[in-house]
PDB file of N, CA and C in Angstrom:
ATOM      1  N   UNK A   1      -3.480  -1.034  18.254  1.00  0.00           N
ATOM      2  CA  UNK A   1      -3.125  -1.906  17.161  1.00  0.00           C
ATOM      3  C   UNK A   1      -2.074  -1.225  16.294  1.00  0.00           C
ATOM      4  N   UNK A   2      -1.100  -1.970  15.823  1.00  0.00           N
ATOM      5  CA  UNK A   2      -0.053  -1.441  14.964  1.00  0.00           C
ATOM      6  C   UNK A   2      -0.614  -1.109  13.590  1.00  0.00           C
ATOM      7  N   UNK A   3      -0.036  -0.102  12.942  1.00  0.00           N
ATOM      8  CA  UNK A   3      -0.461   0.280  11.598  1.00  0.00           C
ATOM      9  C   UNK A   3      -0.016  -0.785  10.615  1.00  0.00           C
ATOM     10  N   UNK A   4      -0.934  -1.252   9.784  1.00  0.00           N
ATOM     11  CA  UNK A   4      -0.622  -2.271   8.787  1.00  0.00           C
ATOM     12  C   UNK A   4       0.096  -1.651   7.598  1.00  0.00           C
ATOM     13  N   UNK A   5       0.875  -2.437   6.889  1.00  0.00           N
ATOM     14  CA  UNK A   5       1.634  -1.943   5.749  1.00  0.00           C
ATOM     15  C   UNK A   5       0.750  -1.678   4.538  1.00  0.00           C
ATOM     16  N   UNK A   6      -0.381  -2.375   4.428  1.00  0.00           N
ATOM     17  CA  UNK A   6      -1.284  -2.166   3.301  1.00  0.00           C
ATOM     18  C   UNK A   6      -2.367  -1.188   3.685  1.00  0.00           C
ATOM     19  N   UNK A   7      -2.802  -0.419   2.711  1.00  0.00           N
ATOM     20  CA  UNK A   7      -3.925   0.478   2.905  1.00  0.00           C
ATOM     21  C   UNK A   7      -5.117  -0.067   2.135  1.00  0.00           C
ATOM     22  N   UNK A   8      -6.020   0.817   1.766  1.00  0.00           N
ATOM     23  CA  UNK A   8      -7.189   0.414   0.994  1.00  0.00           C
ATOM     24  C   UNK A   8      -6.732  -0.174  -0.336  1.00  0.00           C
ATOM     25  N   UNK A   9      -7.469  -1.153  -0.825  1.00  0.00           N
ATOM     26  CA  UNK A   9      -7.098  -1.836  -2.063  1.00  0.00           C
ATOM     27  C   UNK A   9      -7.555  -1.043  -3.281  1.00  0.00           C
ATOM     28  N   UNK A  10      -6.662  -0.885  -4.258  1.00  0.00           N
ATOM     29  CA  UNK A  10      -6.999  -0.196  -5.504  1.00  0.00           C
ATOM     30  C   UNK A  10      -7.769  -1.150  -6.413  1.00  0.00           C
ATOM     31  N   UNK A  11      -8.694  -0.594  -7.159  1.00  0.00           N
ATOM     32  CA  UNK A  11      -9.449  -1.389  -8.118  1.00  0.00           C
ATOM     33  C   UNK A  11      -8.702  -1.308  -9.438  1.00  0.00           C
ATOM     34  N   UNK A  12      -8.049  -2.386  -9.825  1.00  0.00           N
ATOM     35  CA  UNK A  12      -7.206  -2.413 -11.009  1.00  0.00           C
ATOM     36  C   UNK A  12      -7.565  -3.625 -11.848  1.00  0.00           C
ATOM     37  N   UNK A  13      -7.296  -3.566 -13.154  1.00  0.00           N
ATOM     38  CA  UNK A  13      -7.585  -4.701 -14.026  1.00  0.00           C
ATOM     39  C   UNK A  13      -6.592  -5.823 -13.717  1.00  0.00           C
ATOM     40  N   UNK A  14      -7.083  -6.982 -13.312  1.00  0.00           N
ATOM     41  CA  UNK A  14      -6.189  -8.062 -12.886  1.00  0.00           C
ATOM     42  C   UNK A  14      -5.683  -8.923 -14.040  1.00  0.00           C
ATOM     43  N   UNK A  15      -4.599  -9.618 -13.772  1.00  0.00           N
ATOM     44  CA  UNK A  15      -4.072 -10.664 -14.635  1.00  0.00           C
ATOM     45  C   UNK A  15      -4.254 -11.953 -13.867  1.00  0.00           C
ATOM     46  N   UNK A  16      -4.846 -12.951 -14.471  1.00  0.00           N
ATOM     47  CA  UNK A  16      -5.182 -14.189 -13.783  1.00  0.00           C
ATOM     48  C   UNK A  16      -3.933 -15.051 -13.592  1.00  0.00           C
ATOM     49  N   UNK A  17      -3.677 -15.456 -12.348  1.00  0.00           N
ATOM     50  CA  UNK A  17      -2.605 -16.378 -11.995  1.00  0.00           C
ATOM     51  C   UNK A  17      -3.171 -17.457 -11.093  1.00  0.00           C
ATOM     52  N   UNK A  18      -2.548 -18.593 -11.095  1.00  0.00           N
ATOM     53  CA  UNK A  18      -2.918 -19.657 -10.178  1.00  0.00           C
ATOM     54  C   UNK A  18      -1.704 -19.958  -9.317  1.00  0.00           C
ATOM     55  N   UNK A  19      -1.875 -19.891  -8.002  1.00  0.00           N
ATOM     56  CA  UNK A  19      -0.780 -20.175  -7.076  1.00  0.00           C
ATOM     57  C   UNK A  19      -1.272 -21.133  -5.998  1.00  0.00           C
ATOM     58  N   UNK A  20      -0.357 -21.874  -5.460  1.00  0.00           N
ATOM     59  CA  UNK A  20      -0.654 -22.739  -4.322  1.00  0.00           C
ATOM     60  C   UNK A  20       0.057 -22.163  -3.113  1.00  0.00           C
ATOM     61  N   UNK A  21      -0.683 -22.025  -2.028  1.00  0.00           N
ATOM     62  CA  UNK A  21      -0.116 -21.497  -0.788  1.00  0.00           C
ATOM     63  C   UNK A  21      -0.153 -22.570   0.280  1.00  0.00           C
ATOM     64  N   UNK A  22       0.845 -22.594   1.138  1.00  0.00           N
ATOM     65  CA  UNK A  22       0.752 -23.476   2.299  1.00  0.00           C
ATOM     66  C   UNK A  22      -0.451 -23.050   3.147  1.00  0.00           C
ATOM     67  N   UNK A  23      -1.052 -23.995   3.825  1.00  0.00           N
ATOM     68  CA  UNK A  23      -2.237 -23.709   4.638  1.00  0.00           C
ATOM     69  C   UNK A  23      -1.958 -22.618   5.671  1.00  0.00           C
ATOM     70  N   UNK A  24      -0.782 -22.623   6.271  1.00  0.00           N
ATOM     71  CA  UNK A  24      -0.447 -21.618   7.279  1.00  0.00           C
ATOM     72  C   UNK A  24      -0.416 -20.213   6.667  1.00  0.00           C
ATOM     73  N   UNK A  25       0.095 -20.089   5.451  1.00  0.00           N
ATOM     74  CA  UNK A  25       0.136 -18.785   4.786  1.00  0.00           C
ATOM     75  C   UNK A  25      -1.290 -18.325   4.474  1.00  0.00           C
ATOM     76  N   UNK A  26      -2.149 -19.250   4.050  1.00  0.00           N
ATOM     77  CA  UNK A  26      -3.539 -18.897   3.777  1.00  0.00           C
ATOM     78  C   UNK A  26      -4.240 -18.427   5.052  1.00  0.00           C
ATOM     79  N   UNK A  27      -4.002 -19.122   6.150  1.00  0.00           N
ATOM     80  CA  UNK A  27      -4.601 -18.694   7.426  1.00  0.00           C
ATOM     81  C   UNK A  27      -4.139 -17.296   7.804  1.00  0.00           C
ATOM     82  N   UNK A  28      -2.852 -17.028   7.610  1.00  0.00           N
ATOM     83  CA  UNK A  28      -2.324 -15.693   7.908  1.00  0.00           C
ATOM     84  C   UNK A  28      -2.940 -14.644   6.985  1.00  0.00           C
ATOM     85  N   UNK A  29      -3.151 -14.996   5.735  1.00  0.00           N
ATOM     86  CA  UNK A  29      -3.766 -14.083   4.777  1.00  0.00           C
ATOM     87  C   UNK A  29      -5.194 -13.734   5.202  1.00  0.00           C
ATOM     88  N   UNK A  30      -5.937 -14.733   5.644  1.00  0.00           N
ATOM     89  CA  UNK A  30      -7.303 -14.508   6.126  1.00  0.00           C
ATOM     90  C   UNK A  30      -7.282 -13.625   7.379  1.00  0.00           C
ATOM     91  N   UNK A  31      -6.354 -13.891   8.282  1.00  0.00           N
ATOM     92  CA  UNK A  31      -6.242 -13.082   9.499  1.00  0.00           C
ATOM     93  C   UNK A  31      -5.838 -11.649   9.160  1.00  0.00           C
ATOM     94  N   UNK A  32      -4.939 -11.489   8.197  1.00  0.00           N
ATOM     95  CA  UNK A  32      -4.522 -10.144   7.779  1.00  0.00           C
ATOM     96  C   UNK A  32      -5.710  -9.399   7.182  1.00  0.00           C
ATOM     97  N   UNK A  33      -6.510 -10.088   6.383  1.00  0.00           N
ATOM     98  CA  UNK A  33      -7.699  -9.467   5.787  1.00  0.00           C
ATOM     99  C   UNK A  33      -8.641  -8.965   6.868  1.00  0.00           C
ATOM    100  N   UNK A  34      -8.817  -9.751   7.918  1.00  0.00           N
ATOM    101  CA  UNK A  34      -9.683  -9.335   9.023  1.00  0.00           C
ATOM    102  C   UNK A  34      -9.110  -8.109   9.732  1.00  0.00           C
ATOM    103  N   UNK A  35      -7.802  -8.091   9.966  1.00  0.00           N
ATOM    104  CA  UNK A  35      -7.159  -6.954  10.624  1.00  0.00           C
ATOM    105  C   UNK A  35      -7.239  -5.704   9.751  1.00  0.00           C
ATOM    106  N   UNK A  36      -7.048  -5.880   8.455  1.00  0.00           N
ATOM    107  CA  UNK A  36      -7.125  -4.753   7.527  1.00  0.00           C
ATOM    108  C   UNK A  36      -8.544  -4.194   7.476  1.00  0.00           C
ATOM    109  N   UNK A  37      -9.532  -5.067   7.464  1.00  0.00           N
ATOM    110  CA  UNK A  37     -10.931  -4.625   7.458  1.00  0.00           C
ATOM    111  C   UNK A  37     -11.241  -3.839   8.728  1.00  0.00           C
ATOM    112  N   UNK A  38     -10.716  -4.289   9.838  1.00  0.00           N
ATOM    113  CA  UNK A  38     -10.940  -3.591  11.100  1.00  0.00           C
ATOM    114  C   UNK A  38     -10.263  -2.218  11.089  1.00  0.00           C
ATOM    115  N   UNK A  39      -9.047  -2.153  10.546  1.00  0.00           N
ATOM    116  CA  UNK A  39      -8.298  -0.899  10.543  1.00  0.00           C
ATOM    117  C   UNK A  39      -8.872   0.122   9.566  1.00  0.00           C
ATOM    118  N   UNK A  40      -9.267  -0.330   8.371  1.00  0.00           N
ATOM    119  CA  UNK A  40      -9.727   0.604   7.339  1.00  0.00           C
ATOM    120  C   UNK A  40     -11.230   0.832   7.362  1.00  0.00           C
ATOM    121  N   UNK A  41     -11.965  -0.068   7.999  1.00  0.00           N
ATOM    122  CA  UNK A  41     -13.417   0.039   8.004  1.00  0.00           C
ATOM    123  C   UNK A  41     -14.050  -0.449   6.724  1.00  0.00           C
ATOM    124  N   UNK A  42     -13.227  -1.004   5.814  1.00  0.00           N
ATOM    125  CA  UNK A  42     -13.729  -1.557   4.553  1.00  0.00           C
ATOM    126  C   UNK A  42     -13.587  -3.063   4.610  1.00  0.00           C
ATOM    127  N   UNK A  43     -14.671  -3.804   4.382  1.00  0.00           N
ATOM    128  CA  UNK A  43     -14.557  -5.259   4.429  1.00  0.00           C
ATOM    129  C   UNK A  43     -13.697  -5.790   3.284  1.00  0.00           C
ATOM    130  N   UNK A  44     -12.926  -6.813   3.561  1.00  0.00           N
ATOM    131  CA  UNK A  44     -12.146  -7.501   2.533  1.00  0.00           C
ATOM    132  C   UNK A  44     -12.894  -8.800   2.266  1.00  0.00           C
ATOM    133  N   UNK A  45     -13.636  -8.815   1.161  1.00  0.00           N
ATOM    134  CA  UNK A  45     -14.482  -9.959   0.852  1.00  0.00           C
ATOM    135  C   UNK A  45     -13.682 -11.183   0.409  1.00  0.00           C
ATOM    136  N   UNK A  46     -12.536 -10.934  -0.231  1.00  0.00           N
ATOM    137  CA  UNK A  46     -11.728 -12.037  -0.734  1.00  0.00           C
ATOM    138  C   UNK A  46     -10.266 -11.793  -0.353  1.00  0.00           C
ATOM    139  N   UNK A  47      -9.759 -12.525   0.641  1.00  0.00           N
ATOM    140  CA  UNK A  47      -8.371 -12.311   1.072  1.00  0.00           C
ATOM    141  C   UNK A  47      -7.353 -12.499  -0.051  1.00  0.00           C
ATOM    142  N   UNK A  48      -7.695 -13.219  -1.099  1.00  0.00           N
ATOM    143  CA  UNK A  48      -6.782 -13.422  -2.227  1.00  0.00           C
ATOM    144  C   UNK A  48      -6.419 -12.075  -2.863  1.00  0.00           C
ATOM    145  N   UNK A  49      -7.310 -11.116  -2.773  1.00  0.00           N
ATOM    146  CA  UNK A  49      -7.052  -9.790  -3.355  1.00  0.00           C
ATOM    147  C   UNK A  49      -5.923  -9.051  -2.633  1.00  0.00           C
ATOM    148  N   UNK A  50      -5.519  -9.548  -1.480  1.00  0.00           N
ATOM    149  CA  UNK A  50      -4.409  -8.931  -0.754  1.00  0.00           C
ATOM    150  C   UNK A  50      -3.054  -9.323  -1.344  1.00  0.00           C
ATOM    151  N   UNK A  51      -2.999 -10.429  -2.051  1.00  0.00           N
ATOM    152  CA  UNK A  51      -1.709 -10.947  -2.525  1.00  0.00           C
ATOM    153  C   UNK A  51      -1.009  -9.958  -3.447  1.00  0.00           C
ATOM    154  N   UNK A  52      -1.718  -9.390  -4.415  1.00  0.00           N
ATOM    155  CA  UNK A  52      -1.083  -8.460  -5.365  1.00  0.00           C
ATOM    156  C   UNK A  52      -0.509  -7.234  -4.666  1.00  0.00           C
ATOM    157  N   UNK A  53      -1.277  -6.532  -3.800  1.00  0.00           N
ATOM    158  CA  UNK A  53      -0.662  -5.373  -3.146  1.00  0.00           C
ATOM    159  C   UNK A  53       0.470  -5.759  -2.196  1.00  0.00           C
ATOM    160  N   UNK A  54       0.384  -6.945  -1.593  1.00  0.00           N
ATOM    161  CA  UNK A  54       1.480  -7.389  -0.725  1.00  0.00           C
ATOM    162  C   UNK A  54       2.745  -7.619  -1.542  1.00  0.00           C
ATOM    163  N   UNK A  55       2.603  -8.271  -2.690  1.00  0.00           N
ATOM    164  CA  UNK A  55       3.765  -8.495  -3.555  1.00  0.00           C
ATOM    165  C   UNK A  55       4.317  -7.171  -4.076  1.00  0.00           C
ATOM    166  N   UNK A  56       3.438  -6.264  -4.474  1.00  0.00           N
ATOM    167  CA  UNK A  56       3.885  -4.969  -4.970  1.00  0.00           C
ATOM    168  C   UNK A  56       4.658  -4.220  -3.893  1.00  0.00           C
ATOM    169  N   UNK A  57       4.151  -4.269  -2.662  1.00  0.00           N
ATOM    170  CA  UNK A  57       4.818  -3.585  -1.542  1.00  0.00           C
ATOM    171  C   UNK A  57       6.180  -4.225  -1.256  1.00  0.00           C
ATOM    172  N   UNK A  58       6.221  -5.549  -1.306  1.00  0.00           N
ATOM    173  CA  UNK A  58       7.476  -6.271  -1.090  1.00  0.00           C
ATOM    174  C   UNK A  58       8.505  -5.890  -2.156  1.00  0.00           C
ATOM    175  N   UNK A  59       8.088  -5.900  -3.417  1.00  0.00           N
ATOM    176  CA  UNK A  59       9.001  -5.584  -4.508  1.00  0.00           C
ATOM    177  C   UNK A  59       9.472  -4.136  -4.407  1.00  0.00           C
ATOM    178  N   UNK A  60       8.559  -3.224  -4.091  1.00  0.00           N
ATOM    179  CA  UNK A  60       8.914  -1.810  -3.978  1.00  0.00           C
ATOM    180  C   UNK A  60       9.925  -1.564  -2.858  1.00  0.00           C
ATOM    181  N   UNK A  61       9.890  -2.384  -1.825  1.00  0.00           N
ATOM    182  CA  UNK A  61      10.793  -2.204  -0.693  1.00  0.00           C
ATOM    183  C   UNK A  61      12.095  -2.971  -0.805  1.00  0.00           C
ATOM    184  N   UNK A  62      12.280  -3.720  -1.879  1.00  0.00           N
ATOM    185  CA  UNK A  62      13.484  -4.526  -2.043  1.00  0.00           C
ATOM    186  C   UNK A  62      14.575  -3.674  -2.703  1.00  0.00           C
ATOM    187  N   UNK A  63      15.525  -3.215  -1.910  1.00  0.00           N
ATOM    188  CA  UNK A  63      16.569  -2.323  -2.418  1.00  0.00           C
ATOM    189  C   UNK A  63      17.449  -2.986  -3.470  1.00  0.00           C
ATOM    190  N   UNK A  64      17.744  -4.261  -3.277  1.00  0.00           N
ATOM    191  CA  UNK A  64      18.573  -4.971  -4.249  1.00  0.00           C
ATOM    192  C   UNK A  64      17.894  -5.061  -5.606  1.00  0.00           C
ATOM    193  N   UNK A  65      16.595  -5.316  -5.605  1.00  0.00           N
ATOM    194  CA  UNK A  65      15.849  -5.380  -6.858  1.00  0.00           C
ATOM    195  C   UNK A  65      15.794  -4.002  -7.509  1.00  0.00           C
ATOM    196  N   UNK A  66      15.567  -2.959  -6.718  1.00  0.00           N
ATOM    197  CA  UNK A  66      15.507  -1.600  -7.264  1.00  0.00           C
ATOM    198  C   UNK A  66      16.836  -1.234  -7.921  1.00  0.00           C
ATOM    199  N   UNK A  67      17.923  -1.597  -7.277  1.00  0.00           N
ATOM    200  CA  UNK A  67      19.246  -1.300  -7.844  1.00  0.00           C
ATOM    201  C   UNK A  67      19.452  -2.066  -9.144  1.00  0.00           C
ATOM    202  N   UNK A  68      19.106  -3.351  -9.152  1.00  0.00           N
ATOM    203  CA  UNK A  68      19.258  -4.150 -10.372  1.00  0.00           C
ATOM    204  C   UNK A  68      18.388  -3.590 -11.496  1.00  0.00           C
ATOM    205  N   UNK A  69      17.202  -3.148 -11.164  1.00  0.00           N
ATOM    206  CA  UNK A  69      16.300  -2.584 -12.175  1.00  0.00           C
ATOM    207  C   UNK A  69      16.869  -1.284 -12.735  1.00  0.00           C
ATOM    208  N   UNK A  70      17.425  -0.434 -11.865  1.00  0.00           N
ATOM    209  CA  UNK A  70      18.032   0.818 -12.334  1.00  0.00           C
ATOM    210  C   UNK A  70      19.182   0.530 -13.287  1.00  0.00           C
ATOM    211  N   UNK A  71      20.015  -0.423 -12.935  1.00  0.00           N
ATOM    212  CA  UNK A  71      21.162  -0.772 -13.781  1.00  0.00           C
ATOM    213  C   UNK A  71      20.678  -1.279 -15.132  1.00  0.00           C
ATOM    214  N   UNK A  72      19.660  -2.123 -15.117  1.00  0.00           N
ATOM    215  CA  UNK A  72      19.125  -2.673 -16.366  1.00  0.00           C
ATOM    216  C   UNK A  72      18.530  -1.564 -17.223  1.00  0.00           C
ATOM    217  N   UNK A  73      17.785  -0.641 -16.612  1.00  0.00           N
ATOM    218  CA  UNK A  73      17.164   0.450 -17.369  1.00  0.00           C
ATOM    219  C   UNK A  73      18.212   1.393 -17.957  1.00  0.00           C
ATOM    220  N   UNK A  74      19.340   1.551 -17.285  1.00  0.00           N
ATOM    221  CA  UNK A  74      20.384   2.445 -17.774  1.00  0.00           C
ATOM    222  C   UNK A  74      21.174   1.799 -18.904  1.00  0.00           C
ATOM    223  N   UNK A  75      20.985   0.508 -19.094  1.00  0.00           N
ATOM    224  CA  UNK A  75      21.702  -0.180 -20.156  1.00  0.00           C
ATOM    225  C   UNK A  75      23.150  -0.440 -19.835  1.00  0.00           C
ATOM    226  N   UNK A  76      23.519  -0.310 -18.569  1.00  0.00           N
ATOM    227  CA  UNK A  76      24.914  -0.520 -18.205  1.00  0.00           C
ATOM    228  C   UNK A  76      25.154  -1.893 -17.584  1.00  0.00           C
ATOM    229  N   UNK A  77      24.187  -2.783 -17.735  1.00  0.00           N
ATOM    230  CA  UNK A  77      24.375  -4.135 -17.221  1.00  0.00           C
ATOM    231  C   UNK A  77      25.413  -4.831 -18.083  1.00  0.00           C
ATOM    232  N   UNK A  78      26.353  -5.520 -17.474  1.00  0.00           N
ATOM    233  CA  UNK A  78      27.376  -6.205 -18.265  1.00  0.00           C
ATOM    234  C   UNK A  78      26.755  -7.300 -19.119  1.00  0.00           C
ATOM    235  N   UNK A  79      27.236  -7.389 -20.347  1.00  0.00           N
ATOM    236  CA  UNK A  79      26.710  -8.423 -21.229  1.00  0.00           C
ATOM    237  C   UNK A  79      27.361  -9.757 -20.903  1.00  0.00           C
ATOM    238  N   UNK A  80      26.732 -10.822 -21.309  1.00  0.00           N
ATOM    239  CA  UNK A  80      27.258 -12.159 -21.021  1.00  0.00           C
ATOM    240  C   UNK A  80      28.603 -12.371 -21.702  1.00  0.00           C
ATOM    241  N   UNK A  81      28.798 -11.762 -22.887  1.00  0.00           N
ATOM    242  CA  UNK A  81      30.063 -11.953 -23.592  1.00  0.00           C
ATOM    243  C   UNK A  81      31.203 -11.183 -22.940  1.00  0.00           C
ATOM    244  N   UNK A  82      30.892 -10.121 -22.193  1.00  0.00           N
ATOM    245  CA  UNK A  82      31.929  -9.329 -21.545  1.00  0.00           C
ATOM    246  C   UNK A  82      32.383  -9.942 -20.229  1.00  0.00           C
ATOM    247  N   UNK A  83      31.573 -10.817 -19.669  1.00  0.00           N
ATOM    248  CA  UNK A  83      31.925 -11.422 -18.387  1.00  0.00           C
ATOM    249  C   UNK A  83      32.952 -12.514 -18.608  1.00  0.00           C
ATOM    250  N   UNK A  84      33.990 -12.572 -17.767  1.00  0.00           N
ATOM    251  CA  UNK A  84      34.984 -13.630 -17.918  1.00  0.00           C
ATOM    252  C   UNK A  84      34.384 -14.988 -17.581  1.00  0.00           C
ATOM    253  N   UNK A  85      34.824 -15.996 -18.296  1.00  0.00           N
ATOM    254  CA  UNK A  85      34.338 -17.352 -18.036  1.00  0.00           C
ATOM    255  C   UNK A  85      34.959 -17.849 -16.749  1.00  0.00           C
ATOM    256  N   UNK A  86      34.117 -18.431 -15.899  1.00  0.00           N
ATOM    257  CA  UNK A  86      34.614 -18.987 -14.651  1.00  0.00           C
ATOM    258  C   UNK A  86      34.170 -20.430 -14.558  1.00  0.00           C
ATOM    259  N   UNK A  87      34.962 -21.207 -13.884  1.00  0.00           N
ATOM    260  CA  UNK A  87      34.639 -22.616 -13.714  1.00  0.00           C
ATOM    261  C   UNK A  87      34.405 -22.882 -12.258  1.00  0.00           C
ATOM    262  N   UNK A  88      33.353 -23.658 -11.964  1.00  0.00           N
ATOM    263  CA  UNK A  88      33.084 -24.029 -10.587  1.00  0.00           C
ATOM    264  C   UNK A  88      33.504 -25.461 -10.318  1.00  0.00           C
ATOM    265  N   UNK A  89      34.058 -26.099 -11.333  1.00  0.00           N
ATOM    266  CA  UNK A  89      34.511 -27.476 -11.158  1.00  0.00           C
ATOM    267  C   UNK A  89      35.830 -27.497 -10.407  1.00  0.00           C
ATOM    268  N   UNK A  90      36.015 -28.469  -9.509  1.00  0.00           N
ATOM    269  CA  UNK A  90      37.289 -28.540  -8.783  1.00  0.00           C
ATOM    270  C   UNK A  90      38.435 -28.918  -9.717  1.00  0.00           C
ATOM    271  N   UNK A  91      39.627 -28.409  -9.423  1.00  0.00           N
ATOM    272  CA  UNK A  91      40.813 -28.716 -10.248  1.00  0.00           C
ATOM    273  C   UNK A  91      41.365 -30.067  -9.962  1.00  0.00           C
TER     274      UNK A  91
END
């Protein structure tokens, strides 16, 4: 079996969100929970708990987001007033 991208789930204080998932994504989430339980030996009682670490892993691996975040933290992001006005309307 291939190594899964998620490891054991951390116990962290959650923030409540409500999301709607397509049925196919939910089925995949349940299947992933079963595979993760088999790999780690720890049962995943609620597949919904996988969503936060999956999103965190996705965000951490997004190079474009990391670059944008670095630029924002450095304070070197161009301000809206410094950007030249452009028109998308046809001439």
